[in-house]
Amino acid sequence: MPACVEVLEVGPRDGLQNEKVVFSTADKLHMINGAIDAGVKRIEVASFVHPARVPQMADAEDVISGLRDRSDVTYIGLVLNKRGLLRAIATREAGNRGIDEAGCVAIASDTFAEKNQGQTMRSSVEITKEMIKLAKSEGMSAQATISVSFGCPFEGRIDQSTVVAMAEDIAEAEPREIAIADTIGVGSPIRVTELIHKIKERIPNIPLRAHFHNTRNTGLANAWAAYQAGVQTLDASVGGLGGCPFAPKATGNIGTEDLLYLLAESDIQTDISLNDMIKLAKWTETVLGRIPPAMVSQAGGFPIETSS
């Protein structure tokens, strides 16, 4: 098992996209900069989608124009189709820093693919491959996520052979990595282990990433199973915020601070400050007007610091 893990922060995108409380551009930049100050080196900052479908992402270009020019940080923009990718590419024009990496998405069920991005499972794979190639030709990094890898809210369980075949196909475009995503939080550690091993057998040269939601309280257990299966990059969202507008009852991601605590107490290095991420999670409460679902930001780290 790897001695260190890369934690990819998805709070500014996946964490906010389903929130009713609108985070301003300044709020989003505060969240992004807070995560960077804590030590995060890869972060999803926006999604290039139609603002009528995901209003929280309407200011994507404004957020990106306000990003710090940090050579040690990778800024990721989610793209669902070529139109979105062209918007991401445009942020890099006229000498601007813009988006460093395109996060492409393929969907493991036809019904969810249609509701989420107006595609079929098969077309989502082909479009993802095309976007990866285009992004790379423009000097950008590109990766792919296979959404609803464990279950679809409309079609039920997803056969592992479907996800493995999709990963093999996407690998032909040579993305930076391929992520398996439990979009609606129905996975279990044994299924995670099985799927990762099967994918690694078929595409051993493409790094894998894992993205888990804690809808049914298995998110951290699944993240640990992914780590034990050899995955070195795990997604998480500050405060455990998140959800999908097109998946009923799909609640938050695993909390970044919860994942950091688990890894630190297991002697696994991340180079991210747990205390700083707890402070950032506490700040989100002031914007949300409620306590977010992650637990470590409420209990604090351990040993508990006491004043003398």
C-alpha atoms as a PDB file:
ATOM      1  CA  MET A   1       0.000   0.000   0.000  1.00  0.00           C
ATOM      2  CA  PRO A   2       1.243   3.551  -0.736  1.00  0.00           C
ATOM      3  CA  ALA A   3       2.807   5.504   2.137  1.00  0.00           C
ATOM      4  CA  CYS A   4       1.272   8.759   0.940  1.00  0.00           C
ATOM      5  CA  VAL A   5      -2.064   9.727  -0.574  1.00  0.00           C
ATOM      6  CA  GLU A   6      -3.050  12.684  -2.726  1.00  0.00           C
ATOM      7  CA  VAL A   7      -6.313  14.238  -1.559  1.00  0.00           C
ATOM      8  CA  LEU A   8      -8.128  16.036  -4.378  1.00  0.00           C
ATOM      9  CA  GLU A   9     -10.430  18.734  -3.014  1.00  0.00           C
ATOM     10  CA  VAL A  10     -13.797  18.881  -4.821  1.00  0.00           C
ATOM     11  CA  GLY A  11     -15.635  21.222  -2.450  1.00  0.00           C
ATOM     12  CA  PRO A  12     -15.743  24.332  -4.680  1.00  0.00           C
ATOM     13  CA  ARG A  13     -17.402  22.305  -7.455  1.00  0.00           C
ATOM     14  CA  ASP A  14     -19.060  19.092  -6.321  1.00  0.00           C
ATOM     15  CA  GLY A  15     -19.482  20.404  -2.802  1.00  0.00           C
ATOM     16  CA  LEU A  16     -21.448  23.462  -3.862  1.00  0.00           C
ATOM     17  CA  GLN A  17     -23.309  22.433  -7.012  1.00  0.00           C
ATOM     18  CA  ASN A  18     -26.380  21.145  -5.167  1.00  0.00           C
ATOM     19  CA  GLU A  19     -26.496  23.707  -2.351  1.00  0.00           C
ATOM     20  CA  LYS A  20     -29.516  25.994  -2.092  1.00  0.00           C
ATOM     21  CA  VAL A  21     -27.453  28.717  -0.456  1.00  0.00           C
ATOM     22  CA  VAL A  22     -25.567  30.501  -3.218  1.00  0.00           C
ATOM     23  CA  PHE A  23     -21.857  30.984  -2.579  1.00  0.00           C
ATOM     24  CA  SER A  24     -20.633  34.199  -4.161  1.00  0.00           C
ATOM     25  CA  THR A  25     -17.572  34.321  -6.378  1.00  0.00           C
ATOM     26  CA  ALA A  26     -15.667  35.797  -3.427  1.00  0.00           C
ATOM     27  CA  ASP A  27     -16.892  32.960  -1.190  1.00  0.00           C
ATOM     28  CA  LYS A  28     -15.703  30.359  -3.686  1.00  0.00           C
ATOM     29  CA  LEU A  29     -12.300  31.985  -3.965  1.00  0.00           C
ATOM     30  CA  HIS A  30     -12.074  32.059  -0.170  1.00  0.00           C
ATOM     31  CA  MET A  31     -12.798  28.319  -0.106  1.00  0.00           C
ATOM     32  CA  ILE A  32     -10.265  27.595  -2.851  1.00  0.00           C
ATOM     33  CA  ASN A  33      -7.539  29.719  -1.278  1.00  0.00           C
ATOM     34  CA  GLY A  34      -8.218  28.266   2.151  1.00  0.00           C
ATOM     35  CA  ALA A  35      -7.766  24.751   0.808  1.00  0.00           C
ATOM     36  CA  ILE A  36      -4.544  25.753  -0.949  1.00  0.00           C
ATOM     37  CA  ASP A  37      -3.217  27.402   2.215  1.00  0.00           C
ATOM     38  CA  ALA A  38      -3.948  24.135   4.038  1.00  0.00           C
ATOM     39  CA  GLY A  39      -1.735  22.285   1.559  1.00  0.00           C
ATOM     40  CA  VAL A  40      -4.122  21.062  -1.145  1.00  0.00           C
ATOM     41  CA  LYS A  41      -2.328  20.716  -4.491  1.00  0.00           C
ATOM     42  CA  ARG A  42      -5.176  19.562  -6.795  1.00  0.00           C
ATOM     43  CA  ILE A  43      -8.581  21.185  -6.599  1.00  0.00           C
ATOM     44  CA  GLU A  44     -11.801  21.212  -8.627  1.00  0.00           C
ATOM     45  CA  VAL A  45     -12.640  24.874  -8.933  1.00  0.00           C
ATOM     46  CA  ALA A  46     -15.594  24.990 -11.329  1.00  0.00           C
ATOM     47  CA  SER A  47     -17.878  23.155 -13.698  1.00  0.00           C
ATOM     48  CA  PHE A  48     -18.507  24.368 -17.249  1.00  0.00           C
ATOM     49  CA  VAL A  49     -22.204  23.583 -17.445  1.00  0.00           C
ATOM     50  CA  HIS A  50     -25.283  25.554 -18.474  1.00  0.00           C
ATOM     51  CA  PRO A  51     -26.143  27.965 -15.636  1.00  0.00           C
ATOM     52  CA  ALA A  52     -29.846  27.148 -15.940  1.00  0.00           C
ATOM     53  CA  ARG A  53     -29.099  23.528 -15.032  1.00  0.00           C
ATOM     54  CA  VAL A  54     -26.553  24.182 -12.278  1.00  0.00           C
ATOM     55  CA  PRO A  55     -26.943  27.809 -11.080  1.00  0.00           C
ATOM     56  CA  GLN A  56     -24.153  27.497  -8.494  1.00  0.00           C
ATOM     57  CA  MET A  57     -21.627  27.178 -11.333  1.00  0.00           C
ATOM     58  CA  ALA A  58     -22.840  30.215 -13.300  1.00  0.00           C
ATOM     59  CA  ASP A  59     -19.748  32.255 -12.387  1.00  0.00           C
ATOM     60  CA  ALA A  60     -17.154  29.675 -13.490  1.00  0.00           C
ATOM     61  CA  GLU A  61     -15.108  32.101 -15.592  1.00  0.00           C
ATOM     62  CA  ASP A  62     -15.206  34.785 -12.879  1.00  0.00           C
ATOM     63  CA  VAL A  63     -13.917  32.303 -10.296  1.00  0.00           C
ATOM     64  CA  ILE A  64     -11.122  31.178 -12.593  1.00  0.00           C
ATOM     65  CA  SER A  65     -10.059  34.728 -13.387  1.00  0.00           C
ATOM     66  CA  GLY A  66      -9.569  35.269  -9.649  1.00  0.00           C
ATOM     67  CA  LEU A  67      -7.384  32.219  -9.015  1.00  0.00           C
ATOM     68  CA  ARG A  68      -3.901  32.624  -7.631  1.00  0.00           C
ATOM     69  CA  ASP A  69      -1.113  31.853 -10.071  1.00  0.00           C
ATOM     70  CA  ARG A  70       0.424  28.985  -8.146  1.00  0.00           C
ATOM     71  CA  SER A  71       2.803  26.739 -10.103  1.00  0.00           C
ATOM     72  CA  ASP A  72       2.471  24.026  -7.454  1.00  0.00           C
ATOM     73  CA  VAL A  73      -1.338  23.803  -7.677  1.00  0.00           C
ATOM     74  CA  THR A  74      -3.443  22.098 -10.358  1.00  0.00           C
ATOM     75  CA  TYR A  75      -6.798  23.754 -11.068  1.00  0.00           C
ATOM     76  CA  ILE A  76      -9.412  21.372 -12.469  1.00  0.00           C
ATOM     77  CA  GLY A  77     -12.556  22.282 -14.385  1.00  0.00           C
ATOM     78  CA  LEU A  78     -15.334  19.734 -14.896  1.00  0.00           C
ATOM     79  CA  VAL A  79     -16.462  19.390 -18.517  1.00  0.00           C
ATOM     80  CA  LEU A  80     -19.390  17.284 -19.709  1.00  0.00           C
ATOM     81  CA  ASN A  81     -19.273  18.028 -23.425  1.00  0.00           C
ATOM     82  CA  LYS A  82     -17.170  19.750 -26.076  1.00  0.00           C
ATOM     83  CA  ARG A  83     -18.916  23.087 -25.477  1.00  0.00           C
ATOM     84  CA  GLY A  84     -17.833  22.972 -21.851  1.00  0.00           C
ATOM     85  CA  LEU A  85     -14.291  21.996 -22.791  1.00  0.00           C
ATOM     86  CA  LEU A  86     -14.016  24.914 -25.210  1.00  0.00           C
ATOM     87  CA  ARG A  87     -15.016  27.229 -22.365  1.00  0.00           C
ATOM     88  CA  ALA A  88     -12.284  25.695 -20.219  1.00  0.00           C
ATOM     89  CA  ILE A  89      -9.731  26.118 -22.995  1.00  0.00           C
ATOM     90  CA  ALA A  90     -10.797  29.746 -23.437  1.00  0.00           C
ATOM     91  CA  THR A  91      -9.797  30.515 -19.835  1.00  0.00           C
ATOM     92  CA  ARG A  92      -6.184  29.931 -20.917  1.00  0.00           C
ATOM     93  CA  GLU A  93      -6.233  32.434 -23.769  1.00  0.00           C
ATOM     94  CA  ALA A  94      -4.485  35.813 -23.845  1.00  0.00           C
ATOM     95  CA  GLY A  95      -1.757  34.600 -21.525  1.00  0.00           C
ATOM     96  CA  ASN A  96      -4.091  33.824 -18.616  1.00  0.00           C
ATOM     97  CA  ARG A  97      -3.365  30.929 -16.259  1.00  0.00           C
ATOM     98  CA  GLY A  98      -6.832  29.456 -16.582  1.00  0.00           C
ATOM     99  CA  ILE A  99      -7.715  25.809 -16.054  1.00  0.00           C
ATOM    100  CA  ASP A 100      -4.841  23.328 -15.899  1.00  0.00           C
ATOM    101  CA  GLU A 101      -6.807  20.105 -16.172  1.00  0.00           C
ATOM    102  CA  ALA A 102     -10.054  19.008 -17.782  1.00  0.00           C
ATOM    103  CA  GLY A 103     -12.145  16.655 -15.679  1.00  0.00           C
ATOM    104  CA  CYS A 104     -14.231  14.639 -18.144  1.00  0.00           C
ATOM    105  CA  VAL A 105     -17.187  12.443 -17.132  1.00  0.00           C
ATOM    106  CA  ALA A 106     -18.546   9.209 -18.580  1.00  0.00           C
ATOM    107  CA  ILE A 107     -21.695   7.635 -17.121  1.00  0.00           C
ATOM    108  CA  ALA A 108     -22.208   3.928 -16.473  1.00  0.00           C
ATOM    109  CA  SER A 109     -25.968   3.940 -17.105  1.00  0.00           C
ATOM    110  CA  ASP A 110     -28.051   5.224 -20.008  1.00  0.00           C
ATOM    111  CA  THR A 111     -30.799   6.782 -17.887  1.00  0.00           C
ATOM    112  CA  PHE A 112     -28.474   8.765 -15.665  1.00  0.00           C
ATOM    113  CA  ALA A 113     -26.347   9.769 -18.663  1.00  0.00           C
ATOM    114  CA  GLU A 114     -29.447  11.184 -20.333  1.00  0.00           C
ATOM    115  CA  LYS A 115     -30.600  13.093 -17.246  1.00  0.00           C
ATOM    116  CA  ASN A 116     -27.149  14.353 -16.293  1.00  0.00           C
ATOM    117  CA  GLN A 117     -25.673  15.280 -19.651  1.00  0.00           C
ATOM    118  CA  GLY A 118     -28.099  14.431 -22.445  1.00  0.00           C
ATOM    119  CA  GLN A 119     -26.034  11.464 -23.614  1.00  0.00           C
ATOM    120  CA  THR A 120     -26.074   7.675 -23.573  1.00  0.00           C
ATOM    121  CA  MET A 121     -23.565   5.552 -21.717  1.00  0.00           C
ATOM    122  CA  ARG A 122     -21.828   4.720 -24.985  1.00  0.00           C
ATOM    123  CA  SER A 123     -21.796   8.281 -26.300  1.00  0.00           C
ATOM    124  CA  SER A 124     -20.488   9.573 -22.965  1.00  0.00           C
ATOM    125  CA  VAL A 125     -17.442   7.332 -23.379  1.00  0.00           C
ATOM    126  CA  GLU A 126     -16.818   8.478 -26.948  1.00  0.00           C
ATOM    127  CA  ILE A 127     -17.268  12.155 -26.045  1.00  0.00           C
ATOM    128  CA  THR A 128     -14.939  11.726 -23.069  1.00  0.00           C
ATOM    129  CA  LYS A 129     -12.237  10.232 -25.296  1.00  0.00           C
ATOM    130  CA  GLU A 130     -12.605  13.059 -27.798  1.00  0.00           C
ATOM    131  CA  MET A 131     -12.369  15.675 -25.038  1.00  0.00           C
ATOM    132  CA  ILE A 132      -9.281  14.077 -23.529  1.00  0.00           C
ATOM    133  CA  LYS A 133      -7.536  14.182 -26.887  1.00  0.00           C
ATOM    134  CA  LEU A 134      -8.599  17.773 -27.564  1.00  0.00           C
ATOM    135  CA  ALA A 135      -7.571  18.989 -24.113  1.00  0.00           C
ATOM    136  CA  LYS A 136      -4.150  17.382 -24.462  1.00  0.00           C
ATOM    137  CA  SER A 137      -3.692  18.915 -27.907  1.00  0.00           C
ATOM    138  CA  GLU A 138      -4.263  22.311 -26.259  1.00  0.00           C
ATOM    139  CA  GLY A 139      -1.562  21.678 -23.680  1.00  0.00           C
ATOM    140  CA  MET A 140      -3.938  20.770 -20.855  1.00  0.00           C
ATOM    141  CA  SER A 141      -3.927  17.719 -18.663  1.00  0.00           C
ATOM    142  CA  ALA A 142      -7.078  15.585 -18.813  1.00  0.00           C
ATOM    143  CA  GLN A 143      -8.626  12.871 -16.681  1.00  0.00           C
ATOM    144  CA  ALA A 144     -11.898  10.965 -16.680  1.00  0.00           C
ATOM    145  CA  THR A 145     -14.408   9.949 -14.044  1.00  0.00           C
ATOM    146  CA  ILE A 146     -16.814   7.054 -14.502  1.00  0.00           C
ATOM    147  CA  SER A 147     -19.946   8.201 -12.692  1.00  0.00           C
ATOM    148  CA  VAL A 148     -22.442   5.858 -10.960  1.00  0.00           C
ATOM    149  CA  SER A 149     -19.802   3.100 -11.012  1.00  0.00           C
ATOM    150  CA  PHE A 150     -21.587   1.136  -8.295  1.00  0.00           C
ATOM    151  CA  GLY A 151     -25.223   2.017  -8.728  1.00  0.00           C
ATOM    152  CA  CYS A 152     -27.665   4.240 -10.608  1.00  0.00           C
ATOM    153  CA  PRO A 153     -30.712   5.841  -8.934  1.00  0.00           C
ATOM    154  CA  PHE A 154     -32.835   4.819 -11.921  1.00  0.00           C
ATOM    155  CA  GLU A 155     -31.400   1.503 -13.141  1.00  0.00           C
ATOM    156  CA  GLY A 156     -30.115  -0.005  -9.900  1.00  0.00           C
ATOM    157  CA  ARG A 157     -26.826  -1.887  -9.514  1.00  0.00           C
ATOM    158  CA  ILE A 158     -24.180  -1.462 -12.187  1.00  0.00           C
ATOM    159  CA  ASP A 159     -22.419  -4.595 -13.394  1.00  0.00           C
ATOM    160  CA  GLN A 160     -18.702  -4.362 -12.725  1.00  0.00           C
ATOM    161  CA  SER A 161     -17.935  -5.644 -16.217  1.00  0.00           C
ATOM    162  CA  THR A 162     -19.616  -2.504 -17.608  1.00  0.00           C
ATOM    163  CA  VAL A 163     -17.307  -0.208 -15.659  1.00  0.00           C
ATOM    164  CA  VAL A 164     -14.219  -2.247 -16.488  1.00  0.00           C
ATOM    165  CA  ALA A 165     -15.050  -2.138 -20.213  1.00  0.00           C
ATOM    166  CA  MET A 166     -15.619   1.633 -20.026  1.00  0.00           C
ATOM    167  CA  ALA A 167     -12.277   2.127 -18.267  1.00  0.00           C
ATOM    168  CA  GLU A 168     -10.499   0.044 -20.913  1.00  0.00           C
ATOM    169  CA  ASP A 169     -12.074   2.078 -23.692  1.00  0.00           C
ATOM    170  CA  ILE A 170     -11.297   5.450 -22.084  1.00  0.00           C
ATOM    171  CA  ALA A 171      -7.707   4.343 -21.434  1.00  0.00           C
ATOM    172  CA  GLU A 172      -7.126   4.345 -25.195  1.00  0.00           C
ATOM    173  CA  ALA A 173      -7.166   8.171 -25.048  1.00  0.00           C
ATOM    174  CA  GLU A 174      -4.374   8.058 -22.427  1.00  0.00           C
ATOM    175  CA  PRO A 175      -5.870  10.274 -19.706  1.00  0.00           C
ATOM    176  CA  ARG A 176      -3.835  11.314 -16.690  1.00  0.00           C
ATOM    177  CA  GLU A 177      -5.997   9.007 -14.590  1.00  0.00           C
ATOM    178  CA  ILE A 178      -9.396   7.336 -14.436  1.00  0.00           C
ATOM    179  CA  ALA A 179     -11.648   7.720 -11.416  1.00  0.00           C
ATOM    180  CA  ILE A 180     -14.428   5.453 -10.251  1.00  0.00           C
ATOM    181  CA  ALA A 181     -17.224   7.436  -8.631  1.00  0.00           C
ATOM    182  CA  ASP A 182     -19.900   6.198  -6.253  1.00  0.00           C
ATOM    183  CA  THR A 183     -22.169   9.082  -7.187  1.00  0.00           C
ATOM    184  CA  ILE A 184     -25.137   8.019  -5.048  1.00  0.00           C
ATOM    185  CA  GLY A 185     -23.249   6.379  -2.191  1.00  0.00           C
ATOM    186  CA  VAL A 186     -24.300   2.745  -2.589  1.00  0.00           C
ATOM    187  CA  GLY A 187     -20.884   1.060  -2.699  1.00  0.00           C
ATOM    188  CA  SER A 188     -19.319  -1.191  -0.093  1.00  0.00           C
ATOM    189  CA  PRO A 189     -15.666  -1.961   0.658  1.00  0.00           C
ATOM    190  CA  ILE A 190     -15.746  -5.435  -0.871  1.00  0.00           C
ATOM    191  CA  ARG A 191     -17.275  -4.116  -4.110  1.00  0.00           C
ATOM    192  CA  VAL A 192     -14.717  -1.304  -4.213  1.00  0.00           C
ATOM    193  CA  THR A 193     -11.854  -3.756  -3.787  1.00  0.00           C
ATOM    194  CA  GLU A 194     -13.226  -6.071  -6.460  1.00  0.00           C
ATOM    195  CA  LEU A 195     -13.762  -3.321  -9.004  1.00  0.00           C
ATOM    196  CA  ILE A 196     -10.389  -1.673  -8.520  1.00  0.00           C
ATOM    197  CA  HIS A 197      -8.554  -4.975  -8.834  1.00  0.00           C
ATOM    198  CA  LYS A 198     -10.436  -5.809 -12.024  1.00  0.00           C
ATOM    199  CA  ILE A 199      -9.679  -2.429 -13.591  1.00  0.00           C
ATOM    200  CA  LYS A 200      -6.008  -2.542 -12.578  1.00  0.00           C
ATOM    201  CA  GLU A 201      -5.679  -5.972 -14.186  1.00  0.00           C
ATOM    202  CA  ARG A 202      -6.949  -4.628 -17.503  1.00  0.00           C
ATOM    203  CA  ILE A 203      -5.268  -1.206 -17.537  1.00  0.00           C
ATOM    204  CA  PRO A 204      -2.253  -1.444 -15.214  1.00  0.00           C
ATOM    205  CA  ASN A 205      -0.534   1.642 -16.653  1.00  0.00           C
ATOM    206  CA  ILE A 206      -3.312   4.185 -15.972  1.00  0.00           C
ATOM    207  CA  PRO A 207      -3.457   5.538 -12.392  1.00  0.00           C
ATOM    208  CA  LEU A 208      -6.814   5.191 -10.652  1.00  0.00           C
ATOM    209  CA  ARG A 209      -8.614   7.725  -8.472  1.00  0.00           C
ATOM    210  CA  ALA A 210     -11.687   7.178  -6.306  1.00  0.00           C
ATOM    211  CA  HIS A 211     -14.637   9.444  -5.511  1.00  0.00           C
ATOM    212  CA  PHE A 212     -17.101   8.467  -2.784  1.00  0.00           C
ATOM    213  CA  HIS A 213     -20.286   9.928  -1.371  1.00  0.00           C
ATOM    214  CA  ASN A 214     -21.306   9.174   2.191  1.00  0.00           C
ATOM    215  CA  THR A 215     -25.024   8.855   1.478  1.00  0.00           C
ATOM    216  CA  ARG A 216     -25.309   5.541   3.324  1.00  0.00           C
ATOM    217  CA  ASN A 217     -22.413   6.084   5.738  1.00  0.00           C
ATOM    218  CA  THR A 218     -19.955   3.858   3.857  1.00  0.00           C
ATOM    219  CA  GLY A 219     -17.873   6.608   2.236  1.00  0.00           C
ATOM    220  CA  LEU A 220     -14.803   6.473   4.492  1.00  0.00           C
ATOM    221  CA  ALA A 221     -14.833   2.672   4.595  1.00  0.00           C
ATOM    222  CA  ASN A 222     -14.896   2.668   0.808  1.00  0.00           C
ATOM    223  CA  ALA A 223     -12.050   5.194   0.653  1.00  0.00           C
ATOM    224  CA  TRP A 224      -9.981   2.961   2.922  1.00  0.00           C
ATOM    225  CA  ALA A 225     -10.740  -0.060   0.738  1.00  0.00           C
ATOM    226  CA  ALA A 226      -9.639   1.918  -2.334  1.00  0.00           C
ATOM    227  CA  TYR A 227      -6.400   2.877  -0.595  1.00  0.00           C
ATOM    228  CA  GLN A 228      -5.744  -0.742   0.371  1.00  0.00           C
ATOM    229  CA  ALA A 229      -6.336  -1.748  -3.245  1.00  0.00           C
ATOM    230  CA  GLY A 230      -3.585   0.644  -4.329  1.00  0.00           C
ATOM    231  CA  VAL A 231      -5.419   3.870  -5.198  1.00  0.00           C
ATOM    232  CA  GLN A 232      -3.213   6.873  -4.408  1.00  0.00           C
ATOM    233  CA  THR A 233      -5.653   9.738  -5.111  1.00  0.00           C
ATOM    234  CA  LEU A 234      -8.918  10.189  -3.234  1.00  0.00           C
ATOM    235  CA  ASP A 235     -11.538  12.902  -3.706  1.00  0.00           C
ATOM    236  CA  ALA A 236     -13.050  14.683  -0.728  1.00  0.00           C
ATOM    237  CA  SER A 237     -15.040  17.835  -0.004  1.00  0.00           C
ATOM    238  CA  VAL A 238     -14.499  20.228   2.887  1.00  0.00           C
ATOM    239  CA  GLY A 239     -17.299  19.834   5.414  1.00  0.00           C
ATOM    240  CA  GLY A 240     -18.599  16.778   3.570  1.00  0.00           C
ATOM    241  CA  LEU A 241     -20.613  19.031   1.268  1.00  0.00           C
ATOM    242  CA  GLY A 242     -21.934  17.761  -2.025  1.00  0.00           C
ATOM    243  CA  GLY A 243     -24.612  16.077  -4.022  1.00  0.00           C
ATOM    244  CA  CYS A 244     -25.838  15.782  -7.579  1.00  0.00           C
ATOM    245  CA  PRO A 245     -28.787  17.845  -8.883  1.00  0.00           C
ATOM    246  CA  PHE A 246     -29.798  14.957 -11.146  1.00  0.00           C
ATOM    247  CA  ALA A 247     -29.573  12.078  -8.648  1.00  0.00           C
ATOM    248  CA  PRO A 248     -32.377  11.863  -6.064  1.00  0.00           C
ATOM    249  CA  LYS A 249     -31.141  11.675  -2.447  1.00  0.00           C
ATOM    250  CA  ALA A 250     -27.472  11.823  -3.474  1.00  0.00           C
ATOM    251  CA  THR A 251     -25.982  13.556  -0.460  1.00  0.00           C
ATOM    252  CA  GLY A 252     -22.506  14.784   0.378  1.00  0.00           C
ATOM    253  CA  ASN A 253     -19.016  13.630  -0.410  1.00  0.00           C
ATOM    254  CA  ILE A 254     -16.757  12.230   2.264  1.00  0.00           C
ATOM    255  CA  GLY A 255     -15.476  15.153   4.322  1.00  0.00           C
ATOM    256  CA  THR A 256     -11.913  16.241   3.638  1.00  0.00           C
ATOM    257  CA  GLU A 257     -11.215  16.661   7.329  1.00  0.00           C
ATOM    258  CA  ASP A 258     -12.666  13.193   8.071  1.00  0.00           C
ATOM    259  CA  LEU A 259     -10.445  11.619   5.414  1.00  0.00           C
ATOM    260  CA  LEU A 260      -7.376  13.542   6.599  1.00  0.00           C
ATOM    261  CA  TYR A 261      -7.922  12.334  10.162  1.00  0.00           C
ATOM    262  CA  LEU A 262      -8.290   8.714   9.029  1.00  0.00           C
ATOM    263  CA  LEU A 263      -5.113   8.890   6.956  1.00  0.00           C
ATOM    264  CA  ALA A 264      -3.047  10.742   9.565  1.00  0.00           C
ATOM    265  CA  GLU A 265      -4.015   8.303  12.312  1.00  0.00           C
ATOM    266  CA  SER A 266      -3.003   5.486   9.948  1.00  0.00           C
ATOM    267  CA  ASP A 267       0.462   7.048   9.426  1.00  0.00           C
ATOM    268  CA  ILE A 268      -0.287   7.945   5.811  1.00  0.00           C
ATOM    269  CA  GLN A 269       1.124  11.244   4.570  1.00  0.00           C
ATOM    270  CA  THR A 270      -0.967  13.863   2.750  1.00  0.00           C
ATOM    271  CA  ASP A 271       0.923  17.147   3.417  1.00  0.00           C
ATOM    272  CA  ILE A 272      -2.415  18.851   4.163  1.00  0.00           C
ATOM    273  CA  SER A 273      -3.088  20.509   7.509  1.00  0.00           C
ATOM    274  CA  LEU A 274      -6.036  18.933   9.295  1.00  0.00           C
ATOM    275  CA  ASN A 275      -6.430  21.944  11.584  1.00  0.00           C
ATOM    276  CA  ASP A 276      -6.560  24.344   8.652  1.00  0.00           C
ATOM    277  CA  MET A 277      -9.206  22.237   6.882  1.00  0.00           C
ATOM    278  CA  ILE A 278     -11.253  22.131  10.092  1.00  0.00           C
ATOM    279  CA  LYS A 279     -11.108  25.948  10.209  1.00  0.00           C
ATOM    280  CA  LEU A 280     -12.225  26.106   6.579  1.00  0.00           C
ATOM    281  CA  ALA A 281     -15.119  23.734   7.294  1.00  0.00           C
ATOM    282  CA  LYS A 282     -16.130  25.956  10.205  1.00  0.00           C
ATOM    283  CA  TRP A 283     -16.103  28.941   7.851  1.00  0.00           C
ATOM    284  CA  THR A 284     -18.533  27.185   5.487  1.00  0.00           C
ATOM    285  CA  GLU A 285     -21.024  27.079   8.366  1.00  0.00           C
ATOM    286  CA  THR A 286     -21.160  30.877   8.358  1.00  0.00           C
ATOM    287  CA  VAL A 287     -22.197  30.912   4.692  1.00  0.00           C
ATOM    288  CA  LEU A 288     -24.496  27.888   4.814  1.00  0.00           C
ATOM    289  CA  GLY A 289     -26.243  28.850   8.025  1.00  0.00           C
ATOM    290  CA  ARG A 290     -26.061  25.227   9.161  1.00  0.00           C
ATOM    291  CA  ILE A 291     -23.553  22.627  10.295  1.00  0.00           C
ATOM    292  CA  PRO A 292     -22.154  20.580   7.378  1.00  0.00           C
ATOM    293  CA  PRO A 293     -22.230  16.782   7.638  1.00  0.00           C
ATOM    294  CA  ALA A 294     -18.532  15.983   8.161  1.00  0.00           C
ATOM    295  CA  MET A 295     -17.754  14.919  11.716  1.00  0.00           C
ATOM    296  CA  VAL A 296     -14.134  15.737  12.508  1.00  0.00           C
ATOM    297  CA  SER A 297     -14.731  19.471  12.086  1.00  0.00           C
ATOM    298  CA  GLN A 298     -17.280  19.197  14.897  1.00  0.00           C
ATOM    299  CA  ALA A 299     -15.319  16.930  17.244  1.00  0.00           C
ATOM    300  CA  GLY A 300     -11.862  18.297  16.439  1.00  0.00           C
ATOM    301  CA  GLY A 301      -8.645  16.380  16.004  1.00  0.00           C
ATOM    302  CA  PHE A 302      -6.955  14.220  18.592  1.00  0.00           C
ATOM    303  CA  PRO A 303      -5.226  14.526  21.007  1.00  0.00           C
ATOM    304  CA  ILE A 304      -7.580  17.328  22.034  1.00  0.00           C
ATOM    305  CA  GLU A 305      -5.795  20.621  22.588  1.00  0.00           C
ATOM    306  CA  THR A 306      -6.538  22.134  25.986  1.00  0.00           C
ATOM    307  CA  SER A 307      -5.656  25.590  27.267  1.00  0.00           C
ATOM    308  CA  SER A 308      -3.465  25.713  30.358  1.00  0.00           C
END
